[in-house]
Structure formats: C-alpha cells, structure tokens
C-alpha cells in the first residue's frame, strides 16, 4: 500500500486558505440544533442557552431529591425533559432543511 501511494499519488485539492471562509459550513448532526438557535436569537443568548440547559441537567438531582415512586410525582420533570428533546429534534430538522 505504501509503494502504491508513493508511485501513484492521488491529486490534491486546492490548498486551504485560512483567511477565506467557505460559503457552506455545516456543523455535525449533534450540533445542528445549536446552530439553528444561533441563527434565531442574538449571539449572547445563543451562547448562554447550552450553559443554562447543562446547568439545569447537572443541578436536577439536587433540585428533585424525592424518591421515585410514581409518574404523577415527577410528571413536570418528565414533561419538561420531553419538551426539550422535542425542541432539539425540531430545531435539528429545521437546520437540516432550511438555509
């Protein structure tokens, strides 16, 4: 394989220019929702959204210290988490379809 790569090198693409941003930059699939949030809101709010969500997820075990027994006791946490997941899914689809 090494001999073939030395004897028959493939052609290179044009050299990258760090001063020119390509017109189509898309994030990986797991950042699409955040990319869409950054398009919709001012940059300060768009940067704070993931920190607030992460902070809530980190502090959630300390906020809700009751023992899990039924769905009714934790329905607001479950519904809130489901709403956030649906929002992330919708924003990801929106970022994929719209330009």
N, C-alpha and C. Protein backbone atom coordinates (compact mmCIF):
# COMPACT_ATOMS: atom_id res chain seq x y z
N UNK A 1 0.83 -1.18 0.00
CA UNK A 1 0.00 0.00 0.00
C UNK A 1 0.88 1.25 0.00
N UNK A 2 1.97 1.21 0.78
CA UNK A 2 2.87 2.37 0.82
C UNK A 2 3.51 2.58 -0.54
N UNK A 3 3.95 1.50 -1.19
CA UNK A 3 4.57 1.62 -2.52
C UNK A 3 3.59 2.20 -3.53
N UNK A 4 2.34 1.73 -3.50
CA UNK A 4 1.35 2.27 -4.42
C UNK A 4 1.07 3.74 -4.15
N UNK A 5 1.05 4.12 -2.90
CA UNK A 5 0.77 5.52 -2.59
C UNK A 5 1.93 6.43 -3.00
N UNK A 6 3.16 5.90 -3.01
CA UNK A 6 4.30 6.70 -3.45
C UNK A 6 4.35 6.75 -4.97
N UNK A 7 4.11 5.61 -5.63
CA UNK A 7 4.20 5.56 -7.09
C UNK A 7 3.00 6.20 -7.79
N UNK A 8 1.83 6.06 -7.23
CA UNK A 8 0.61 6.59 -7.84
C UNK A 8 -0.12 7.51 -6.86
N UNK A 9 0.43 8.68 -6.56
CA UNK A 9 -0.24 9.56 -5.60
C UNK A 9 -1.53 10.13 -6.18
N UNK A 10 -2.48 10.33 -5.31
CA UNK A 10 -3.73 10.92 -5.78
C UNK A 10 -3.55 12.44 -5.87
N UNK A 11 -4.39 13.08 -6.66
CA UNK A 11 -4.30 14.53 -6.78
C UNK A 11 -4.85 15.21 -5.55
N UNK A 12 -4.24 16.29 -5.20
CA UNK A 12 -4.68 17.04 -4.03
C UNK A 12 -5.69 18.08 -4.44
N UNK A 13 -6.55 18.44 -3.51
CA UNK A 13 -7.46 19.55 -3.75
C UNK A 13 -6.68 20.84 -3.61
N UNK A 14 -7.34 21.94 -3.93
CA UNK A 14 -6.64 23.21 -3.80
C UNK A 14 -6.31 23.47 -2.34
N UNK A 15 -5.25 24.21 -2.12
CA UNK A 15 -4.75 24.45 -0.78
C UNK A 15 -5.73 25.31 0.02
N UNK A 16 -5.89 24.98 1.28
CA UNK A 16 -6.82 25.71 2.13
C UNK A 16 -6.27 27.09 2.45
N UNK A 17 -7.15 28.08 2.43
CA UNK A 17 -6.78 29.44 2.77
C UNK A 17 -7.46 29.81 4.08
N UNK A 18 -6.70 30.01 5.16
CA UNK A 18 -7.32 30.29 6.46
C UNK A 18 -8.00 31.65 6.53
N UNK A 19 -7.76 32.51 5.55
CA UNK A 19 -8.36 33.84 5.56
C UNK A 19 -9.70 33.90 4.83
N UNK A 20 -10.07 32.82 4.14
CA UNK A 20 -11.31 32.78 3.38
C UNK A 20 -12.22 31.70 3.97
N UNK A 21 -13.41 32.11 4.38
CA UNK A 21 -14.38 31.17 4.94
C UNK A 21 -15.21 30.58 3.81
N UNK A 22 -15.33 29.26 3.73
CA UNK A 22 -16.19 28.67 2.70
C UNK A 22 -17.64 29.09 2.90
N UNK A 23 -18.39 29.14 1.81
CA UNK A 23 -19.77 29.60 1.90
C UNK A 23 -20.69 28.60 2.58
N UNK A 24 -20.38 27.33 2.53
CA UNK A 24 -21.24 26.32 3.15
C UNK A 24 -20.50 25.63 4.28
N UNK A 25 -20.79 26.06 5.48
CA UNK A 25 -20.23 25.41 6.66
C UNK A 25 -21.40 24.86 7.45
N UNK A 26 -21.43 23.57 7.64
CA UNK A 26 -22.48 22.93 8.41
C UNK A 26 -21.84 22.16 9.57
N UNK A 27 -22.43 22.28 10.75
CA UNK A 27 -21.89 21.54 11.89
C UNK A 27 -22.27 20.06 11.81
N UNK A 28 -21.71 19.29 12.69
CA UNK A 28 -22.08 17.88 12.79
C UNK A 28 -23.53 17.79 13.25
N UNK A 29 -24.15 16.63 13.06
CA UNK A 29 -25.57 16.46 13.31
C UNK A 29 -25.95 16.76 14.75
N UNK A 30 -25.06 16.50 15.71
CA UNK A 30 -25.42 16.70 17.10
C UNK A 30 -25.33 18.17 17.52
N UNK A 31 -24.80 19.05 16.66
CA UNK A 31 -24.78 20.48 16.94
C UNK A 31 -25.75 21.26 16.07
N UNK A 32 -26.55 20.59 15.26
CA UNK A 32 -27.46 21.29 14.37
C UNK A 32 -28.46 22.15 15.13
N UNK A 33 -29.00 21.65 16.22
CA UNK A 33 -29.99 22.42 16.98
C UNK A 33 -29.37 23.70 17.51
N UNK A 34 -28.14 23.63 17.97
CA UNK A 34 -27.47 24.81 18.50
C UNK A 34 -27.16 25.81 17.37
N UNK A 35 -26.81 25.29 16.20
CA UNK A 35 -26.57 26.12 15.03
C UNK A 35 -27.84 26.88 14.67
N UNK A 36 -28.99 26.23 14.76
CA UNK A 36 -30.26 26.88 14.45
C UNK A 36 -30.61 27.92 15.52
N UNK A 37 -30.33 27.63 16.78
CA UNK A 37 -30.57 28.60 17.84
C UNK A 37 -29.74 29.85 17.60
N UNK A 38 -28.49 29.68 17.18
CA UNK A 38 -27.62 30.82 16.92
C UNK A 38 -28.12 31.67 15.76
N UNK A 39 -28.85 31.05 14.81
CA UNK A 39 -29.44 31.82 13.70
C UNK A 39 -30.66 32.61 14.15
N UNK A 40 -31.39 32.11 15.14
CA UNK A 40 -32.68 32.70 15.52
C UNK A 40 -32.58 33.78 16.59
N UNK A 41 -31.61 33.69 17.46
CA UNK A 41 -31.53 34.62 18.59
C UNK A 41 -30.22 35.39 18.54
N UNK A 42 -30.11 36.47 19.32
CA UNK A 42 -28.83 37.19 19.38
C UNK A 42 -27.71 36.27 19.90
N UNK A 43 -26.47 36.55 19.50
CA UNK A 43 -25.35 35.66 19.87
C UNK A 43 -25.19 35.44 21.37
N UNK A 44 -25.42 36.45 22.18
CA UNK A 44 -25.25 36.29 23.63
C UNK A 44 -26.22 35.25 24.18
N UNK A 45 -27.46 35.33 23.75
CA UNK A 45 -28.46 34.35 24.21
C UNK A 45 -28.15 32.98 23.64
N UNK A 46 -27.72 32.92 22.38
CA UNK A 46 -27.40 31.64 21.75
C UNK A 46 -26.25 30.92 22.42
N UNK A 47 -25.32 31.68 22.98
CA UNK A 47 -24.19 31.06 23.69
C UNK A 47 -24.62 30.62 25.08
N UNK A 48 -25.53 31.37 25.70
CA UNK A 48 -25.96 31.04 27.07
C UNK A 48 -26.92 29.86 27.13
N UNK A 49 -27.66 29.59 26.06
CA UNK A 49 -28.65 28.51 26.06
C UNK A 49 -28.03 27.16 26.44
N UNK A 50 -26.93 26.71 25.81
CA UNK A 50 -26.39 25.40 26.21
C UNK A 50 -25.88 25.38 27.64
N UNK A 51 -25.35 26.51 28.13
CA UNK A 51 -24.87 26.55 29.51
C UNK A 51 -26.03 26.44 30.49
N UNK A 52 -27.13 27.10 30.20
CA UNK A 52 -28.30 27.02 31.08
C UNK A 52 -28.87 25.61 31.08
N UNK A 53 -28.99 25.00 29.90
CA UNK A 53 -29.51 23.63 29.81
C UNK A 53 -28.58 22.67 30.55
N UNK A 54 -27.27 22.81 30.36
CA UNK A 54 -26.31 21.95 31.06
C UNK A 54 -26.39 22.15 32.57
N UNK A 55 -26.50 23.41 33.00
CA UNK A 55 -26.61 23.69 34.43
C UNK A 55 -27.84 23.08 35.05
N UNK A 56 -28.96 23.17 34.34
CA UNK A 56 -30.20 22.56 34.85
C UNK A 56 -30.05 21.05 34.95
N UNK A 57 -29.45 20.44 33.92
CA UNK A 57 -29.28 18.98 33.96
C UNK A 57 -28.33 18.55 35.07
N UNK A 58 -27.31 19.34 35.33
CA UNK A 58 -26.36 19.00 36.40
C UNK A 58 -27.01 19.17 37.77
N UNK A 59 -27.81 20.23 37.94
CA UNK A 59 -28.42 20.51 39.23
C UNK A 59 -29.73 19.76 39.49
N UNK A 60 -30.29 19.13 38.48
CA UNK A 60 -31.58 18.46 38.61
C UNK A 60 -31.62 17.40 39.73
N UNK A 61 -30.60 16.57 39.91
CA UNK A 61 -30.66 15.61 41.03
C UNK A 61 -30.70 16.28 42.40
N UNK A 62 -30.14 17.49 42.50
CA UNK A 62 -30.16 18.20 43.77
C UNK A 62 -31.46 18.96 43.97
N UNK A 63 -32.13 19.31 42.88
CA UNK A 63 -33.41 20.01 42.96
C UNK A 63 -34.52 19.03 43.34
N UNK A 64 -34.55 17.89 42.68
CA UNK A 64 -35.60 16.90 42.92
C UNK A 64 -35.00 15.75 43.70
N UNK A 65 -35.11 15.81 45.03
CA UNK A 65 -34.49 14.79 45.88
C UNK A 65 -35.48 13.74 46.37
N UNK A 66 -36.72 13.84 45.91
CA UNK A 66 -37.72 12.86 46.35
C UNK A 66 -37.43 11.50 45.73
N UNK A 67 -37.87 10.48 46.43
CA UNK A 67 -37.71 9.12 45.92
C UNK A 67 -38.72 8.89 44.80
N UNK A 68 -38.28 8.23 43.75
CA UNK A 68 -39.15 7.99 42.61
C UNK A 68 -40.12 6.87 42.97
N UNK A 69 -41.42 7.20 42.92
CA UNK A 69 -42.41 6.17 43.21
C UNK A 69 -43.46 6.10 42.10
N UNK A 70 -43.93 7.25 41.62
CA UNK A 70 -44.94 7.23 40.56
C UNK A 70 -44.63 8.31 39.54
N UNK A 71 -45.25 8.15 38.41
CA UNK A 71 -45.12 9.13 37.35
C UNK A 71 -45.71 10.47 37.75
N UNK A 72 -46.81 10.45 38.50
CA UNK A 72 -47.50 11.68 38.87
C UNK A 72 -46.64 12.62 39.69
N UNK A 73 -45.77 12.10 40.51
CA UNK A 73 -44.93 12.94 41.35
C UNK A 73 -43.83 13.64 40.55
N UNK A 74 -43.45 13.08 39.43
CA UNK A 74 -42.35 13.63 38.63
C UNK A 74 -42.78 14.02 37.23
N UNK A 75 -44.06 14.19 37.03
CA UNK A 75 -44.55 14.42 35.67
C UNK A 75 -44.01 15.71 35.07
N UNK A 76 -43.82 16.78 35.88
CA UNK A 76 -43.34 18.04 35.31
C UNK A 76 -41.90 17.93 34.85
N UNK A 77 -41.08 17.18 35.56
CA UNK A 77 -39.70 16.97 35.12
C UNK A 77 -39.66 16.13 33.85
N UNK A 78 -40.49 15.10 33.81
CA UNK A 78 -40.53 14.23 32.64
C UNK A 78 -41.08 14.97 31.43
N UNK A 79 -42.16 15.73 31.63
CA UNK A 79 -42.73 16.50 30.52
C UNK A 79 -41.78 17.61 30.06
N UNK A 80 -41.10 18.25 31.01
CA UNK A 80 -40.12 19.28 30.64
C UNK A 80 -38.96 18.70 29.85
N UNK A 81 -38.46 17.56 30.28
CA UNK A 81 -37.37 16.90 29.54
C UNK A 81 -37.81 16.44 28.16
N UNK A 82 -39.02 15.94 28.07
CA UNK A 82 -39.56 15.53 26.77
C UNK A 82 -39.73 16.74 25.86
N UNK A 83 -40.19 17.86 26.41
CA UNK A 83 -40.35 19.08 25.61
C UNK A 83 -39.01 19.58 25.09
N UNK A 84 -37.97 19.52 25.93
CA UNK A 84 -36.63 19.94 25.49
C UNK A 84 -36.13 19.03 24.38
N UNK A 85 -36.32 17.73 24.53
CA UNK A 85 -35.88 16.80 23.48
C UNK A 85 -36.62 17.02 22.17
N UNK A 86 -37.92 17.27 22.25
CA UNK A 86 -38.69 17.55 21.04
C UNK A 86 -38.23 18.86 20.40
N UNK A 87 -37.95 19.87 21.21
CA UNK A 87 -37.44 21.14 20.69
C UNK A 87 -36.09 20.96 20.00
N UNK A 88 -35.21 20.19 20.60
CA UNK A 88 -33.90 19.92 19.98
C UNK A 88 -34.09 19.18 18.66
N UNK A 89 -35.00 18.21 18.63
CA UNK A 89 -35.27 17.46 17.40
C UNK A 89 -35.81 18.38 16.31
N UNK A 90 -36.78 19.23 16.66
CA UNK A 90 -37.38 20.13 15.67
C UNK A 90 -36.35 21.13 15.16
N UNK A 91 -35.54 21.69 16.05
CA UNK A 91 -34.51 22.64 15.61
C UNK A 91 -33.47 21.97 14.72
N UNK A 92 -33.13 20.71 15.01
CA UNK A 92 -32.17 19.98 14.17
C UNK A 92 -32.74 19.75 12.77
N UNK A 93 -34.01 19.36 12.70
CA UNK A 93 -34.65 19.14 11.39
C UNK A 93 -34.73 20.47 10.63
N UNK A 94 -35.09 21.54 11.35
CA UNK A 94 -35.19 22.85 10.73
C UNK A 94 -33.85 23.31 10.17
N UNK A 95 -32.77 23.07 10.92
CA UNK A 95 -31.44 23.46 10.45
C UNK A 95 -31.01 22.62 9.25
N UNK A 96 -31.46 21.37 9.20
CA UNK A 96 -31.11 20.49 8.07
C UNK A 96 -31.85 20.91 6.82
N UNK A 97 -33.12 21.25 6.92
CA UNK A 97 -33.95 21.57 5.76
C UNK A 97 -33.79 23.00 5.27
N UNK A 98 -33.69 23.93 6.20
CA UNK A 98 -33.66 25.34 5.82
C UNK A 98 -32.25 25.89 5.74
N UNK A 99 -32.10 26.86 4.91
CA UNK A 99 -30.80 27.52 4.78
C UNK A 99 -30.94 28.98 5.01
